[in-house]
Amino acid sequence: MIHFVLHDANDSVAVVVVEGVKAGMDLAGWIMDEDKSTRVTARQDIPIGHKVALRDMAVGDTVVKYGIDMGKVVAPIRAGEHAHVHNIKTKRW
């Protein structure tokens, strides 16, 4: 079962595509551009459609989703954590 998808192996976050992701689950991901698999352990419950961090990120780091800069980290994020508006903001303002 695929739990999350990402386009590029260099993405720092991926989109959860199933319901019921709970802390402690071993998640399987699909890297679409390379048709390869990857894994991460969920550290928090993550709703469907939200992002899971694929690597540790510090405040000020750029968040990459689908190969595109989609914002900056405003609170530390560990691999497997829920990445959303509480720890990522746009760089536009």
N, C-alpha and C. Protein backbone atom coordinates (compact mmCIF):
# COMPACT_ATOMS: atom_id res chain seq x y z
N MET A 1 0.84 -1.18 0.00
CA MET A 1 0.00 0.00 0.00
C MET A 1 0.89 1.24 0.00
N ILE A 2 0.54 2.22 -0.82
CA ILE A 2 1.22 3.51 -0.86
C ILE A 2 0.50 4.47 0.09
N HIS A 3 1.25 5.09 1.00
CA HIS A 3 0.69 6.04 1.96
C HIS A 3 0.91 7.49 1.56
N PHE A 4 2.00 7.76 0.81
CA PHE A 4 2.30 9.13 0.41
C PHE A 4 2.97 9.15 -0.96
N VAL A 5 2.86 10.30 -1.64
CA VAL A 5 3.48 10.45 -2.96
C VAL A 5 4.31 11.73 -3.00
N LEU A 6 5.36 11.68 -3.82
CA LEU A 6 6.18 12.85 -4.11
C LEU A 6 6.64 12.74 -5.54
N HIS A 7 6.98 13.88 -6.14
CA HIS A 7 7.42 13.87 -7.53
C HIS A 7 8.91 13.61 -7.66
N ASP A 8 9.69 14.27 -6.85
CA ASP A 8 11.14 14.30 -7.01
C ASP A 8 11.81 13.74 -5.76
N ALA A 9 12.86 12.97 -5.93
CA ALA A 9 13.57 12.39 -4.78
C ALA A 9 14.16 13.45 -3.87
N ASN A 10 14.31 14.68 -4.36
CA ASN A 10 14.84 15.78 -3.55
C ASN A 10 13.77 16.54 -2.80
N ASP A 11 12.48 16.18 -2.96
CA ASP A 11 11.41 16.83 -2.20
C ASP A 11 11.65 16.61 -0.71
N SER A 12 11.34 17.62 0.08
CA SER A 12 11.51 17.49 1.54
C SER A 12 10.20 17.12 2.23
N VAL A 13 9.10 17.20 1.51
CA VAL A 13 7.79 16.78 2.03
C VAL A 13 7.06 16.00 0.95
N ALA A 14 6.08 15.20 1.38
CA ALA A 14 5.26 14.44 0.45
C ALA A 14 3.81 14.52 0.93
N VAL A 15 2.88 14.22 0.03
CA VAL A 15 1.45 14.30 0.34
C VAL A 15 0.92 12.93 0.76
N VAL A 16 0.27 12.90 1.91
CA VAL A 16 -0.37 11.68 2.40
C VAL A 16 -1.63 11.44 1.56
N VAL A 17 -1.77 10.23 1.04
CA VAL A 17 -2.87 9.94 0.11
C VAL A 17 -3.86 8.90 0.64
N VAL A 18 -3.74 8.56 1.92
CA VAL A 18 -4.68 7.63 2.54
C VAL A 18 -5.15 8.18 3.88
N GLU A 19 -6.29 7.72 4.31
CA GLU A 19 -6.78 8.08 5.64
C GLU A 19 -6.18 7.15 6.68
N GLY A 20 -6.13 7.64 7.91
CA GLY A 20 -5.75 6.77 9.02
C GLY A 20 -4.27 6.69 9.33
N VAL A 21 -3.45 7.65 8.84
CA VAL A 21 -2.04 7.63 9.19
C VAL A 21 -1.89 8.04 10.66
N LYS A 22 -1.31 7.15 11.44
CA LYS A 22 -1.15 7.34 12.88
C LYS A 22 0.33 7.33 13.25
N ALA A 23 0.65 8.03 14.34
CA ALA A 23 2.02 8.05 14.84
C ALA A 23 2.51 6.62 15.05
N GLY A 24 3.75 6.38 14.61
CA GLY A 24 4.36 5.06 14.76
C GLY A 24 4.24 4.16 13.55
N MET A 25 3.37 4.53 12.60
CA MET A 25 3.19 3.71 11.40
C MET A 25 4.40 3.83 10.48
N ASP A 26 4.81 2.71 9.89
CA ASP A 26 5.84 2.71 8.85
C ASP A 26 5.12 2.99 7.54
N LEU A 27 5.46 4.12 6.90
CA LEU A 27 4.76 4.56 5.70
C LEU A 27 5.57 4.28 4.44
N ALA A 28 4.88 3.83 3.42
CA ALA A 28 5.49 3.59 2.11
C ALA A 28 5.14 4.73 1.18
N GLY A 29 6.14 5.21 0.45
CA GLY A 29 5.92 6.31 -0.49
C GLY A 29 6.36 5.95 -1.89
N TRP A 30 5.79 6.69 -2.84
CA TRP A 30 6.11 6.50 -4.26
C TRP A 30 6.70 7.79 -4.80
N ILE A 31 7.93 7.71 -5.35
CA ILE A 31 8.58 8.83 -6.01
C ILE A 31 8.16 8.75 -7.48
N MET A 32 7.23 9.59 -7.89
CA MET A 32 6.59 9.48 -9.18
C MET A 32 7.56 9.63 -10.36
N ASP A 33 8.45 10.64 -10.32
CA ASP A 33 9.33 10.90 -11.46
C ASP A 33 10.31 9.76 -11.74
N GLU A 34 10.61 8.97 -10.72
CA GLU A 34 11.59 7.88 -10.88
C GLU A 34 10.96 6.50 -10.77
N ASP A 35 9.67 6.46 -10.46
CA ASP A 35 8.96 5.21 -10.22
C ASP A 35 9.72 4.33 -9.23
N LYS A 36 10.10 4.97 -8.11
CA LYS A 36 10.81 4.28 -7.03
C LYS A 36 10.02 4.41 -5.73
N SER A 37 10.43 3.61 -4.77
CA SER A 37 9.78 3.63 -3.45
C SER A 37 10.69 4.27 -2.42
N THR A 38 10.07 4.77 -1.36
CA THR A 38 10.79 5.31 -0.22
C THR A 38 9.93 5.06 1.01
N ARG A 39 10.51 5.25 2.20
CA ARG A 39 9.78 4.98 3.44
C ARG A 39 10.11 6.04 4.47
N VAL A 40 9.18 6.24 5.40
CA VAL A 40 9.39 7.10 6.56
C VAL A 40 8.44 6.60 7.65
N THR A 41 8.83 6.77 8.90
CA THR A 41 7.96 6.41 10.02
C THR A 41 7.23 7.67 10.49
N ALA A 42 5.92 7.59 10.56
CA ALA A 42 5.11 8.73 11.02
C ALA A 42 5.39 8.98 12.50
N ARG A 43 5.69 10.23 12.84
CA ARG A 43 5.91 10.61 14.24
C ARG A 43 4.64 11.21 14.84
N GLN A 44 3.69 11.56 13.98
CA GLN A 44 2.42 12.15 14.41
C GLN A 44 1.32 11.61 13.52
N ASP A 45 0.08 11.74 13.97
CA ASP A 45 -1.06 11.46 13.10
C ASP A 45 -1.05 12.51 11.99
N ILE A 46 -1.32 12.10 10.75
CA ILE A 46 -1.31 13.04 9.63
C ILE A 46 -2.56 12.80 8.79
N PRO A 47 -3.38 13.84 8.61
CA PRO A 47 -4.61 13.68 7.82
C PRO A 47 -4.32 13.50 6.33
N ILE A 48 -5.21 12.84 5.65
CA ILE A 48 -5.12 12.70 4.21
C ILE A 48 -5.06 14.08 3.56
N GLY A 49 -4.21 14.22 2.55
CA GLY A 49 -4.07 15.49 1.85
C GLY A 49 -3.05 16.43 2.48
N HIS A 50 -2.59 16.12 3.68
CA HIS A 50 -1.58 16.94 4.35
C HIS A 50 -0.19 16.39 4.04
N LYS A 51 0.82 17.11 4.44
CA LYS A 51 2.20 16.74 4.12
C LYS A 51 2.87 16.02 5.28
N VAL A 52 3.75 15.08 4.92
CA VAL A 52 4.64 14.43 5.87
C VAL A 52 6.06 14.86 5.51
N ALA A 53 6.85 15.21 6.53
CA ALA A 53 8.24 15.59 6.31
C ALA A 53 9.06 14.34 6.01
N LEU A 54 9.93 14.45 5.03
CA LEU A 54 10.76 13.32 4.65
C LEU A 54 12.16 13.40 5.23
N ARG A 55 12.51 14.56 5.78
CA ARG A 55 13.82 14.76 6.42
C ARG A 55 13.67 15.81 7.51
N ASP A 56 14.63 15.86 8.40
CA ASP A 56 14.64 16.89 9.42
C ASP A 56 14.89 18.24 8.76
N MET A 57 14.18 19.27 9.23
CA MET A 57 14.35 20.62 8.69
C MET A 57 14.39 21.62 9.84
N ALA A 58 15.25 22.62 9.68
CA ALA A 58 15.42 23.66 10.70
C ALA A 58 14.71 24.93 10.27
N VAL A 59 14.47 25.81 11.23
CA VAL A 59 13.87 27.11 10.95
C VAL A 59 14.68 27.81 9.86
N GLY A 60 13.96 28.31 8.84
CA GLY A 60 14.58 29.00 7.73
C GLY A 60 14.85 28.13 6.52
N ASP A 61 14.82 26.80 6.68
CA ASP A 61 15.03 25.90 5.54
C ASP A 61 13.91 26.07 4.53
N THR A 62 14.22 25.83 3.28
CA THR A 62 13.24 25.84 2.20
C THR A 62 12.54 24.48 2.14
N VAL A 63 11.23 24.52 2.01
CA VAL A 63 10.43 23.31 1.87
C VAL A 63 10.19 23.08 0.38
N VAL A 64 10.51 21.87 -0.09
CA VAL A 64 10.36 21.54 -1.50
C VAL A 64 9.29 20.46 -1.65
N LYS A 65 8.29 20.77 -2.47
CA LYS A 65 7.18 19.85 -2.75
C LYS A 65 6.99 19.83 -4.26
N TYR A 66 6.91 18.65 -4.84
CA TYR A 66 6.77 18.50 -6.29
C TYR A 66 7.90 19.20 -7.04
N GLY A 67 9.10 19.25 -6.42
CA GLY A 67 10.26 19.85 -7.05
C GLY A 67 10.26 21.37 -7.02
N ILE A 68 9.33 21.97 -6.28
CA ILE A 68 9.17 23.44 -6.28
C ILE A 68 9.27 23.97 -4.85
N ASP A 69 9.93 25.13 -4.70
CA ASP A 69 10.01 25.84 -3.42
C ASP A 69 8.59 26.25 -3.04
N MET A 70 8.09 25.70 -1.93
CA MET A 70 6.71 26.04 -1.52
C MET A 70 6.65 26.77 -0.19
N GLY A 71 7.81 27.18 0.34
CA GLY A 71 7.78 27.95 1.57
C GLY A 71 9.01 27.73 2.41
N LYS A 72 8.92 28.26 3.65
CA LYS A 72 10.04 28.14 4.59
C LYS A 72 9.56 27.56 5.91
N VAL A 73 10.47 26.91 6.57
CA VAL A 73 10.19 26.31 7.87
C VAL A 73 10.21 27.41 8.93
N VAL A 74 9.16 27.47 9.77
CA VAL A 74 9.09 28.47 10.84
C VAL A 74 9.15 27.83 12.23
N ALA A 75 9.14 26.51 12.31
CA ALA A 75 9.33 25.76 13.55
C ALA A 75 10.01 24.45 13.14
N PRO A 76 10.95 23.97 13.92
CA PRO A 76 11.67 22.74 13.53
C PRO A 76 10.72 21.60 13.18
N ILE A 77 11.10 20.83 12.17
CA ILE A 77 10.29 19.69 11.71
C ILE A 77 11.22 18.48 11.63
N ARG A 78 10.79 17.37 12.22
CA ARG A 78 11.56 16.13 12.12
C ARG A 78 10.95 15.24 11.06
N ALA A 79 11.78 14.41 10.46
CA ALA A 79 11.30 13.45 9.48
C ALA A 79 10.15 12.65 10.08
N GLY A 80 9.06 12.52 9.34
CA GLY A 80 7.89 11.77 9.81
C GLY A 80 6.84 12.62 10.49
N GLU A 81 7.14 13.90 10.71
CA GLU A 81 6.16 14.78 11.36
C GLU A 81 5.20 15.39 10.34
N HIS A 82 4.09 15.86 10.86
CA HIS A 82 3.08 16.57 10.09
C HIS A 82 3.64 17.93 9.69
N ALA A 83 3.73 18.21 8.41
CA ALA A 83 4.23 19.48 7.90
C ALA A 83 3.03 20.25 7.33
N HIS A 84 2.71 21.39 7.98
CA HIS A 84 1.51 22.13 7.60
C HIS A 84 1.67 23.59 8.02
N VAL A 85 0.59 24.33 8.12
CA VAL A 85 0.65 25.77 8.39
C VAL A 85 1.22 26.12 9.76
N HIS A 86 1.30 25.18 10.67
CA HIS A 86 1.86 25.45 11.99
C HIS A 86 3.39 25.46 11.99
N ASN A 87 4.01 24.91 10.93
CA ASN A 87 5.46 24.91 10.87
C ASN A 87 6.05 25.30 9.51
N ILE A 88 5.18 25.67 8.57
CA ILE A 88 5.61 26.14 7.24
C ILE A 88 4.82 27.39 6.87
N LYS A 89 5.49 28.36 6.33
CA LYS A 89 4.85 29.59 5.85
C LYS A 89 5.38 29.93 4.47
N THR A 90 4.61 30.71 3.72
CA THR A 90 5.03 31.19 2.42
C THR A 90 6.20 32.16 2.58
N LYS A 91 6.99 32.29 1.55
CA LYS A 91 8.08 33.28 1.55
C LYS A 91 7.60 34.62 0.99
N ARG A 92 6.37 34.68 0.56
CA ARG A 92 5.84 35.89 -0.10
C ARG A 92 5.63 37.04 0.86
N TRP A 93 5.35 36.78 2.13
CA TRP A 93 5.18 37.84 3.10
C TRP A 93 5.54 37.35 4.48
